[in-house]
Amino acid sequence: MDLGIKGKWALVCGASKGLGFGCAQALVQEGVNVLIVARGNLVLEQAAARLAIDAQHSGSTVLYCAQDITTEAGRSAVFALLRDFDIVVTNAGGPPPGDFHDWERADWIKALDSNMLTPFELIKATVDGMAERGFGRIINITSSAVKAPIDALGLSSGARCGLTGFVAGAARSKLASRGVTMNNLLPGAFDTDRLKANYQAAAQRSGEPVELLTRRARQNIPAQRFGTAAEFGAICAFLCSQQAGYINGQNILADGGAFPGVF
């Protein structure tokens, strides 16, 4: 299927590895030009080199900018390179797990800056241009914990729920009639460095082997496995497509069937 987005420009955040990289790679394979952003220059440069291989086949351009997108200075540096984007994929690592008794105001502010206010600023900076051009796709990578909260991930789910509420209203504004859609992608357990770190931390807290914890987690997923960044990226690319223009204001859960509810 031709997704109809060849030649568009995409900003993909947190794209040096994991789900962000998976999204960037899927877009590049569809002929989308990408500017990838992450904080670590070396890893980001390596990611750009990997994407350049796909870009040779699809005719895409790959740019990268090592900045902290959660800061005003970082966003200014990114927009100094390129201002107009047709696709924006917001993505930032979630706060560390913990006990809510231990979280101070500073912890909450940091979580809100990363997982709610930064996506809001990126949306605000780009959607009007999208509307003028008659096409735009905002994809926010959030978490399955928005739909099925996990007590240890309260900082993450709290901030991301705030973003979810904002998007629910903004997606249904006048922008929708001008070709701009906004959707959230909610990953469950995907085989990423973040997932591995979470299970390492859980193993240290519980004293159980990390292999036991991960095996138990896979068994609790109907698919009996963790997801891959490539299949997550494919979902993202489809939501960015011309064909997905009637999908708007939705929370797309990708969790191998782990969520037990109907809606």
C-alpha atoms as a PDB file:
ATOM      1  CA  MET A   1       0.000   0.000   0.000  1.00  0.00           C
ATOM      2  CA  ASP A   2       1.274   3.461  -0.918  1.00  0.00           C
ATOM      3  CA  LEU A   3       0.587   5.597   2.164  1.00  0.00           C
ATOM      4  CA  GLY A   4       0.643   8.800   0.121  1.00  0.00           C
ATOM      5  CA  ILE A   5       3.168  10.616   2.301  1.00  0.00           C
ATOM      6  CA  LYS A   6       6.322  10.419   0.197  1.00  0.00           C
ATOM      7  CA  GLY A   7       8.135  13.758   0.269  1.00  0.00           C
ATOM      8  CA  LYS A   8       6.494  14.979   3.474  1.00  0.00           C
ATOM      9  CA  TRP A   9       8.658  16.241   6.332  1.00  0.00           C
ATOM     10  CA  ALA A  10       8.472  14.628   9.761  1.00  0.00           C
ATOM     11  CA  LEU A  11       9.886  15.604  13.131  1.00  0.00           C
ATOM     12  CA  VAL A  12      10.437  12.483  15.230  1.00  0.00           C
ATOM     13  CA  CYS A  13      11.431  12.934  18.862  1.00  0.00           C
ATOM     14  CA  GLY A  14      13.332  10.461  21.003  1.00  0.00           C
ATOM     15  CA  ALA A  15      14.351   8.779  17.769  1.00  0.00           C
ATOM     16  CA  SER A  16      17.845   7.537  18.542  1.00  0.00           C
ATOM     17  CA  LYS A  17      16.530   4.101  19.569  1.00  0.00           C
ATOM     18  CA  GLY A  18      13.479   2.164  20.655  1.00  0.00           C
ATOM     19  CA  LEU A  19       9.982   3.141  19.580  1.00  0.00           C
ATOM     20  CA  GLY A  20      11.016   6.555  18.316  1.00  0.00           C
ATOM     21  CA  PHE A  21      13.581   4.999  16.005  1.00  0.00           C
ATOM     22  CA  GLY A  22      11.009   2.452  14.859  1.00  0.00           C
ATOM     23  CA  CYS A  23       8.658   5.280  13.875  1.00  0.00           C
ATOM     24  CA  ALA A  24      11.403   7.200  12.073  1.00  0.00           C
ATOM     25  CA  GLN A  25      12.493   4.112  10.161  1.00  0.00           C
ATOM     26  CA  ALA A  26       8.957   3.262   9.057  1.00  0.00           C
ATOM     27  CA  LEU A  27       8.449   6.819   7.817  1.00  0.00           C
ATOM     28  CA  VAL A  28      11.756   6.876   5.948  1.00  0.00           C
ATOM     29  CA  GLN A  29      10.836   3.599   4.261  1.00  0.00           C
ATOM     30  CA  GLU A  30       7.676   5.333   3.025  1.00  0.00           C
ATOM     31  CA  GLY A  31       9.725   8.112   1.465  1.00  0.00           C
ATOM     32  CA  VAL A  32       9.189  10.662   4.243  1.00  0.00           C
ATOM     33  CA  ASN A  33      11.999  13.117   4.986  1.00  0.00           C
ATOM     34  CA  VAL A  34      12.803  13.096   8.693  1.00  0.00           C
ATOM     35  CA  LEU A  35      14.496  15.249  11.272  1.00  0.00           C
ATOM     36  CA  ILE A  36      15.257  13.038  14.238  1.00  0.00           C
ATOM     37  CA  VAL A  37      15.924  14.424  17.690  1.00  0.00           C
ATOM     38  CA  ALA A  38      17.391  12.972  20.879  1.00  0.00           C
ATOM     39  CA  ARG A  39      19.765  14.144  23.583  1.00  0.00           C
ATOM     40  CA  GLY A  40      22.739  11.826  22.987  1.00  0.00           C
ATOM     41  CA  ASN A  41      24.734  12.948  19.968  1.00  0.00           C
ATOM     42  CA  LEU A  42      26.689   9.726  19.356  1.00  0.00           C
ATOM     43  CA  VAL A  43      23.712   7.379  19.505  1.00  0.00           C
ATOM     44  CA  LEU A  44      21.627   9.796  17.438  1.00  0.00           C
ATOM     45  CA  GLU A  45      24.349  10.035  14.803  1.00  0.00           C
ATOM     46  CA  GLN A  46      24.456   6.239  14.630  1.00  0.00           C
ATOM     47  CA  ALA A  47      20.671   6.130  14.263  1.00  0.00           C
ATOM     48  CA  ALA A  48      20.825   8.649  11.428  1.00  0.00           C
ATOM     49  CA  ALA A  49      23.419   6.503   9.669  1.00  0.00           C
ATOM     50  CA  ARG A  50      21.133   3.468   9.917  1.00  0.00           C
ATOM     51  CA  LEU A  51      18.205   5.473   8.561  1.00  0.00           C
ATOM     52  CA  ALA A  52      20.365   6.761   5.704  1.00  0.00           C
ATOM     53  CA  ILE A  53      20.575   3.191   4.384  1.00  0.00           C
ATOM     54  CA  ASP A  54      16.790   3.044   4.025  1.00  0.00           C
ATOM     55  CA  ALA A  55      16.765   6.599   2.681  1.00  0.00           C
ATOM     56  CA  GLN A  56      18.968   5.543  -0.232  1.00  0.00           C
ATOM     57  CA  HIS A  57      16.183   3.242  -1.404  1.00  0.00           C
ATOM     58  CA  SER A  58      13.231   5.544  -0.689  1.00  0.00           C
ATOM     59  CA  GLY A  59      14.746   8.847  -1.761  1.00  0.00           C
ATOM     60  CA  SER A  60      14.290  10.426   1.660  1.00  0.00           C
ATOM     61  CA  THR A  61      16.429  12.991   3.433  1.00  0.00           C
ATOM     62  CA  VAL A  62      17.571  12.295   6.997  1.00  0.00           C
ATOM     63  CA  LEU A  63      18.632  15.117   9.310  1.00  0.00           C
ATOM     64  CA  TYR A  64      19.439  14.909  12.989  1.00  0.00           C
ATOM     65  CA  CYS A  65      19.689  17.345  15.868  1.00  0.00           C
ATOM     66  CA  ALA A  66      21.086  16.389  19.267  1.00  0.00           C
ATOM     67  CA  GLN A  67      18.984  18.453  21.650  1.00  0.00           C
ATOM     68  CA  ASP A  68      16.814  18.053  24.714  1.00  0.00           C
ATOM     69  CA  ILE A  69      13.407  18.651  23.136  1.00  0.00           C
ATOM     70  CA  THR A  70      11.856  19.104  26.586  1.00  0.00           C
ATOM     71  CA  THR A  71      13.630  22.459  26.962  1.00  0.00           C
ATOM     72  CA  GLU A  72      12.818  25.742  25.266  1.00  0.00           C
ATOM     73  CA  ALA A  73      16.409  26.015  24.052  1.00  0.00           C
ATOM     74  CA  GLY A  74      16.258  22.531  22.574  1.00  0.00           C
ATOM     75  CA  ARG A  75      13.049  23.265  20.703  1.00  0.00           C
ATOM     76  CA  SER A  76      14.458  26.545  19.403  1.00  0.00           C
ATOM     77  CA  ALA A  77      17.504  24.719  18.052  1.00  0.00           C
ATOM     78  CA  VAL A  78      15.325  22.173  16.286  1.00  0.00           C
ATOM     79  CA  PHE A  79      13.071  24.797  14.691  1.00  0.00           C
ATOM     80  CA  ALA A  80      16.132  26.788  13.643  1.00  0.00           C
ATOM     81  CA  LEU A  81      17.034  23.839  11.401  1.00  0.00           C
ATOM     82  CA  LEU A  82      13.541  23.390   9.989  1.00  0.00           C
ATOM     83  CA  ARG A  83      10.317  25.141  10.834  1.00  0.00           C
ATOM     84  CA  ASP A  84       7.549  23.499   8.816  1.00  0.00           C
ATOM     85  CA  PHE A  85       6.619  19.879   9.389  1.00  0.00           C
ATOM     86  CA  ASP A  86       3.786  17.800   7.956  1.00  0.00           C
ATOM     87  CA  ILE A  87       4.179  15.091  10.607  1.00  0.00           C
ATOM     88  CA  VAL A  88       5.211  15.426  14.233  1.00  0.00           C
ATOM     89  CA  VAL A  89       5.843  12.389  16.420  1.00  0.00           C
ATOM     90  CA  THR A  90       6.203  13.428  20.045  1.00  0.00           C
ATOM     91  CA  ASN A  91       8.057  11.045  22.291  1.00  0.00           C
ATOM     92  CA  ALA A  92       9.981  11.340  25.537  1.00  0.00           C
ATOM     93  CA  GLY A  93      11.137   8.740  27.996  1.00  0.00           C
ATOM     94  CA  GLY A  94       8.864   8.337  30.963  1.00  0.00           C
ATOM     95  CA  PRO A  95       9.839   9.240  34.524  1.00  0.00           C
ATOM     96  CA  PRO A  96      11.333   6.487  36.689  1.00  0.00           C
ATOM     97  CA  PRO A  97       8.935   4.190  38.561  1.00  0.00           C
ATOM     98  CA  GLY A  98       8.510   4.589  42.275  1.00  0.00           C
ATOM     99  CA  ASP A  99       6.235   5.052  45.253  1.00  0.00           C
ATOM    100  CA  PHE A 100       3.983   8.116  45.153  1.00  0.00           C
ATOM    101  CA  HIS A 101       4.846   8.870  48.775  1.00  0.00           C
ATOM    102  CA  ASP A 102       8.369   9.707  47.632  1.00  0.00           C
ATOM    103  CA  TRP A 103       7.483  12.074  44.787  1.00  0.00           C
ATOM    104  CA  GLU A 104       8.047  15.764  45.409  1.00  0.00           C
ATOM    105  CA  ARG A 105       6.718  18.728  43.474  1.00  0.00           C
ATOM    106  CA  ALA A 106       9.935  18.864  41.437  1.00  0.00           C
ATOM    107  CA  ASP A 107       9.374  15.264  40.307  1.00  0.00           C
ATOM    108  CA  TRP A 108       5.886  16.125  39.096  1.00  0.00           C
ATOM    109  CA  ILE A 109       7.028  19.271  37.300  1.00  0.00           C
ATOM    110  CA  LYS A 110       9.753  17.342  35.490  1.00  0.00           C
ATOM    111  CA  ALA A 111       7.250  14.660  34.454  1.00  0.00           C
ATOM    112  CA  LEU A 112       4.778  17.269  33.222  1.00  0.00           C
ATOM    113  CA  ASP A 113       7.476  19.113  31.270  1.00  0.00           C
ATOM    114  CA  SER A 114       8.568  15.950  29.489  1.00  0.00           C
ATOM    115  CA  ASN A 115       5.335  14.073  28.922  1.00  0.00           C
ATOM    116  CA  MET A 116       2.636  16.753  28.700  1.00  0.00           C
ATOM    117  CA  LEU A 117       3.929  20.281  28.177  1.00  0.00           C
ATOM    118  CA  THR A 118       6.598  19.441  25.571  1.00  0.00           C
ATOM    119  CA  PRO A 119       4.115  17.700  23.240  1.00  0.00           C
ATOM    120  CA  PHE A 120       1.766  20.640  23.743  1.00  0.00           C
ATOM    121  CA  GLU A 121       4.482  23.122  22.734  1.00  0.00           C
ATOM    122  CA  LEU A 122       5.409  21.074  19.657  1.00  0.00           C
ATOM    123  CA  ILE A 123       1.777  20.838  18.613  1.00  0.00           C
ATOM    124  CA  LYS A 124       1.234  24.558  19.117  1.00  0.00           C
ATOM    125  CA  ALA A 125       4.330  25.369  17.063  1.00  0.00           C
ATOM    126  CA  THR A 126       3.399  23.258  14.034  1.00  0.00           C
ATOM    127  CA  VAL A 127      -0.357  22.729  13.582  1.00  0.00           C
ATOM    128  CA  ASP A 128      -1.205  26.129  12.091  1.00  0.00           C
ATOM    129  CA  GLY A 129       1.286  25.586   9.285  1.00  0.00           C
ATOM    130  CA  MET A 130      -0.129  22.119   8.715  1.00  0.00           C
ATOM    131  CA  ALA A 131      -3.631  23.555   8.466  1.00  0.00           C
ATOM    132  CA  GLU A 132      -2.508  26.171   5.928  1.00  0.00           C
ATOM    133  CA  ARG A 133      -1.036  23.424   3.759  1.00  0.00           C
ATOM    134  CA  GLY A 134      -4.107  21.204   4.187  1.00  0.00           C
ATOM    135  CA  PHE A 135      -2.327  18.209   5.697  1.00  0.00           C
ATOM    136  CA  GLY A 136      -0.954  17.390   9.118  1.00  0.00           C
ATOM    137  CA  ARG A 137      -0.430  14.442  11.405  1.00  0.00           C
ATOM    138  CA  ILE A 138       0.351  14.635  15.113  1.00  0.00           C
ATOM    139  CA  ILE A 139       1.238  11.327  16.759  1.00  0.00           C
ATOM    140  CA  ASN A 140       1.922  11.320  20.487  1.00  0.00           C
ATOM    141  CA  ILE A 141       3.638   8.237  21.864  1.00  0.00           C
ATOM    142  CA  THR A 142       2.152   7.882  25.329  1.00  0.00           C
ATOM    143  CA  SER A 143       1.689   4.614  27.249  1.00  0.00           C
ATOM    144  CA  SER A 144      -0.774   1.810  27.871  1.00  0.00           C
ATOM    145  CA  ALA A 145      -0.639   3.030  31.483  1.00  0.00           C
ATOM    146  CA  VAL A 146      -2.932   5.868  30.392  1.00  0.00           C
ATOM    147  CA  LYS A 147      -5.644   3.271  29.825  1.00  0.00           C
ATOM    148  CA  ALA A 148      -4.626   0.775  32.517  1.00  0.00           C
ATOM    149  CA  PRO A 149      -2.684   2.681  35.197  1.00  0.00           C
ATOM    150  CA  ILE A 150       0.188   1.019  37.036  1.00  0.00           C
ATOM    151  CA  ASP A 151       0.806   2.317  40.552  1.00  0.00           C
ATOM    152  CA  ALA A 152       4.595   2.486  40.197  1.00  0.00           C
ATOM    153  CA  LEU A 153       4.264   4.526  37.001  1.00  0.00           C
ATOM    154  CA  GLY A 154       2.087   7.251  38.475  1.00  0.00           C
ATOM    155  CA  LEU A 155       4.328  10.099  37.341  1.00  0.00           C
ATOM    156  CA  SER A 156       4.164   8.858  33.775  1.00  0.00           C
ATOM    157  CA  SER A 157       0.468   8.029  33.607  1.00  0.00           C
ATOM    158  CA  GLY A 158      -0.480  11.221  35.439  1.00  0.00           C
ATOM    159  CA  ALA A 159       1.375  13.481  33.002  1.00  0.00           C
ATOM    160  CA  ARG A 160       0.341  11.493  29.945  1.00  0.00           C
ATOM    161  CA  CYS A 161      -3.309  11.523  30.996  1.00  0.00           C
ATOM    162  CA  GLY A 162      -3.080  15.304  31.008  1.00  0.00           C
ATOM    163  CA  LEU A 163      -1.793  15.215  27.419  1.00  0.00           C
ATOM    164  CA  THR A 164      -4.541  12.769  26.472  1.00  0.00           C
ATOM    165  CA  GLY A 165      -7.210  15.130  27.769  1.00  0.00           C
ATOM    166  CA  PHE A 166      -5.727  18.064  25.885  1.00  0.00           C
ATOM    167  CA  VAL A 167      -5.506  16.120  22.615  1.00  0.00           C
ATOM    168  CA  ALA A 168      -9.101  14.946  22.970  1.00  0.00           C
ATOM    169  CA  GLY A 169     -10.233  18.550  22.707  1.00  0.00           C
ATOM    170  CA  ALA A 170      -7.628  19.936  20.299  1.00  0.00           C
ATOM    171  CA  ALA A 171      -8.137  17.118  17.787  1.00  0.00           C
ATOM    172  CA  ARG A 172     -11.810  18.080  17.484  1.00  0.00           C
ATOM    173  CA  SER A 173     -11.159  21.768  16.882  1.00  0.00           C
ATOM    174  CA  LYS A 174     -11.419  23.548  13.511  1.00  0.00           C
ATOM    175  CA  LEU A 175      -8.052  21.983  12.626  1.00  0.00           C
ATOM    176  CA  ALA A 176      -9.817  18.690  11.872  1.00  0.00           C
ATOM    177  CA  SER A 177     -11.659  20.198   8.895  1.00  0.00           C
ATOM    178  CA  ARG A 178      -8.359  21.418   7.470  1.00  0.00           C
ATOM    179  CA  GLY A 179      -6.687  18.028   7.162  1.00  0.00           C
ATOM    180  CA  VAL A 180      -4.914  17.915  10.534  1.00  0.00           C
ATOM    181  CA  THR A 181      -5.360  14.859  12.742  1.00  0.00           C
ATOM    182  CA  MET A 182      -4.062  14.184  16.224  1.00  0.00           C
ATOM    183  CA  ASN A 183      -3.844  10.702  17.684  1.00  0.00           C
ATOM    184  CA  ASN A 184      -2.077   9.016  20.565  1.00  0.00           C
ATOM    185  CA  LEU A 185      -0.218   5.719  20.284  1.00  0.00           C
ATOM    186  CA  LEU A 186      -0.264   3.745  23.536  1.00  0.00           C
ATOM    187  CA  PRO A 187       2.482   1.103  23.672  1.00  0.00           C
ATOM    188  CA  GLY A 188       2.270  -1.819  26.025  1.00  0.00           C
ATOM    189  CA  ALA A 189       5.325  -3.998  26.591  1.00  0.00           C
ATOM    190  CA  PHE A 190       7.768  -3.510  23.728  1.00  0.00           C
ATOM    191  CA  ASP A 191      11.269  -4.924  23.604  1.00  0.00           C
ATOM    192  CA  THR A 192      13.193  -1.699  24.237  1.00  0.00           C
ATOM    193  CA  ASP A 193      15.983  -0.531  26.516  1.00  0.00           C
ATOM    194  CA  ARG A 194      13.360   1.208  28.632  1.00  0.00           C
ATOM    195  CA  LEU A 195      11.484  -2.058  29.218  1.00  0.00           C
ATOM    196  CA  LYS A 196      14.694  -3.863  30.135  1.00  0.00           C
ATOM    197  CA  ALA A 197      15.631  -1.126  32.597  1.00  0.00           C
ATOM    198  CA  ASN A 198      12.193  -1.326  34.230  1.00  0.00           C
ATOM    199  CA  TYR A 199      12.537  -5.059  34.764  1.00  0.00           C
ATOM    200  CA  GLN A 200      16.068  -4.651  36.070  1.00  0.00           C
ATOM    201  CA  ALA A 201      14.743  -2.168  38.627  1.00  0.00           C
ATOM    202  CA  ALA A 202      11.860  -4.486  39.508  1.00  0.00           C
ATOM    203  CA  ALA A 203      14.275  -7.384  39.987  1.00  0.00           C
ATOM    204  CA  GLN A 204      16.378  -5.314  42.374  1.00  0.00           C
ATOM    205  CA  ARG A 205      13.310  -4.357  44.405  1.00  0.00           C
ATOM    206  CA  SER A 206      11.854  -7.862  44.572  1.00  0.00           C
ATOM    207  CA  GLY A 207      15.037  -9.930  44.725  1.00  0.00           C
ATOM    208  CA  GLU A 208      13.710 -12.163  41.920  1.00  0.00           C
ATOM    209  CA  PRO A 209      15.783 -12.896  38.811  1.00  0.00           C
ATOM    210  CA  VAL A 210      15.058 -10.529  35.928  1.00  0.00           C
ATOM    211  CA  GLU A 211      14.632 -13.531  33.607  1.00  0.00           C
ATOM    212  CA  LEU A 212      11.803 -14.807  35.788  1.00  0.00           C
ATOM    213  CA  LEU A 213      10.066 -11.435  35.791  1.00  0.00           C
ATOM    214  CA  THR A 214      10.271 -11.012  32.034  1.00  0.00           C
ATOM    215  CA  ARG A 215       9.095 -14.572  31.380  1.00  0.00           C
ATOM    216  CA  ARG A 216       6.134 -14.024  33.706  1.00  0.00           C
ATOM    217  CA  ALA A 217       5.324 -10.768  31.938  1.00  0.00           C
ATOM    218  CA  ARG A 218       5.331 -12.416  28.515  1.00  0.00           C
ATOM    219  CA  GLN A 219       3.043 -15.154  29.790  1.00  0.00           C
ATOM    220  CA  ASN A 220       0.540 -12.519  30.917  1.00  0.00           C
ATOM    221  CA  ILE A 221       0.290 -11.136  27.376  1.00  0.00           C
ATOM    222  CA  PRO A 222      -2.096 -13.053  25.085  1.00  0.00           C
ATOM    223  CA  ALA A 223       0.439 -12.719  22.266  1.00  0.00           C
ATOM    224  CA  GLN A 224       2.984 -14.395  24.589  1.00  0.00           C
ATOM    225  CA  ARG A 225       5.716 -11.984  23.565  1.00  0.00           C
ATOM    226  CA  PHE A 226       6.853  -8.381  23.702  1.00  0.00           C
ATOM    227  CA  GLY A 227       6.256  -6.109  20.736  1.00  0.00           C
ATOM    228  CA  THR A 228       8.959  -4.902  18.367  1.00  0.00           C
ATOM    229  CA  ALA A 229       9.881  -1.353  17.485  1.00  0.00           C
ATOM    230  CA  ALA A 230       9.407  -2.138  13.786  1.00  0.00           C
ATOM    231  CA  GLU A 231       5.766  -3.140  14.167  1.00  0.00           C
ATOM    232  CA  PHE A 232       5.098  -0.136  16.385  1.00  0.00           C
ATOM    233  CA  GLY A 233       6.641   2.090  13.722  1.00  0.00           C
ATOM    234  CA  ALA A 234       4.388   0.553  11.071  1.00  0.00           C
ATOM    235  CA  ILE A 235       1.316   1.538  13.110  1.00  0.00           C
ATOM    236  CA  CYS A 236       2.674   5.057  13.396  1.00  0.00           C
ATOM    237  CA  ALA A 237       3.330   5.291   9.656  1.00  0.00           C
ATOM    238  CA  PHE A 238      -0.216   4.202   8.860  1.00  0.00           C
ATOM    239  CA  LEU A 239      -1.687   6.802  11.225  1.00  0.00           C
ATOM    240  CA  CYS A 240       0.376   9.378   9.321  1.00  0.00           C
ATOM    241  CA  SER A 241      -0.957   8.189   5.970  1.00  0.00           C
ATOM    242  CA  GLN A 242      -3.470   9.763   3.624  1.00  0.00           C
ATOM    243  CA  GLN A 243      -5.678   6.724   4.209  1.00  0.00           C
ATOM    244  CA  ALA A 244      -5.879   7.479   7.955  1.00  0.00           C
ATOM    245  CA  GLY A 245      -7.311  10.953   7.454  1.00  0.00           C
ATOM    246  CA  TYR A 246     -10.611   9.943   9.097  1.00  0.00           C
ATOM    247  CA  ILE A 247      -8.914   8.633  12.252  1.00  0.00           C
ATOM    248  CA  ASN A 248      -8.721  11.543  14.656  1.00  0.00           C
ATOM    249  CA  GLY A 249      -8.636  12.101  18.403  1.00  0.00           C
ATOM    250  CA  GLN A 250      -8.089   8.421  19.113  1.00  0.00           C
ATOM    251  CA  ASN A 251      -5.971   6.454  21.562  1.00  0.00           C
ATOM    252  CA  ILE A 252      -4.557   3.472  19.708  1.00  0.00           C
ATOM    253  CA  LEU A 253      -3.513   0.721  22.112  1.00  0.00           C
ATOM    254  CA  ALA A 254      -0.784  -1.681  20.974  1.00  0.00           C
ATOM    255  CA  ASP A 255      -0.218  -4.207  23.738  1.00  0.00           C
ATOM    256  CA  GLY A 256      -0.584  -7.706  22.319  1.00  0.00           C
ATOM    257  CA  GLY A 257      -4.058  -7.986  23.864  1.00  0.00           C
ATOM    258  CA  ALA A 258      -2.932  -7.394  27.441  1.00  0.00           C
ATOM    259  CA  PHE A 259      -5.676  -4.893  28.271  1.00  0.00           C
ATOM    260  CA  PRO A 260      -8.675  -7.003  29.372  1.00  0.00           C
ATOM    261  CA  GLY A 261     -11.464  -4.491  28.731  1.00  0.00           C
ATOM    262  CA  VAL A 262     -13.852  -3.935  25.843  1.00  0.00           C
ATOM    263  CA  PHE A 263     -13.133  -0.238  25.238  1.00  0.00           C
END
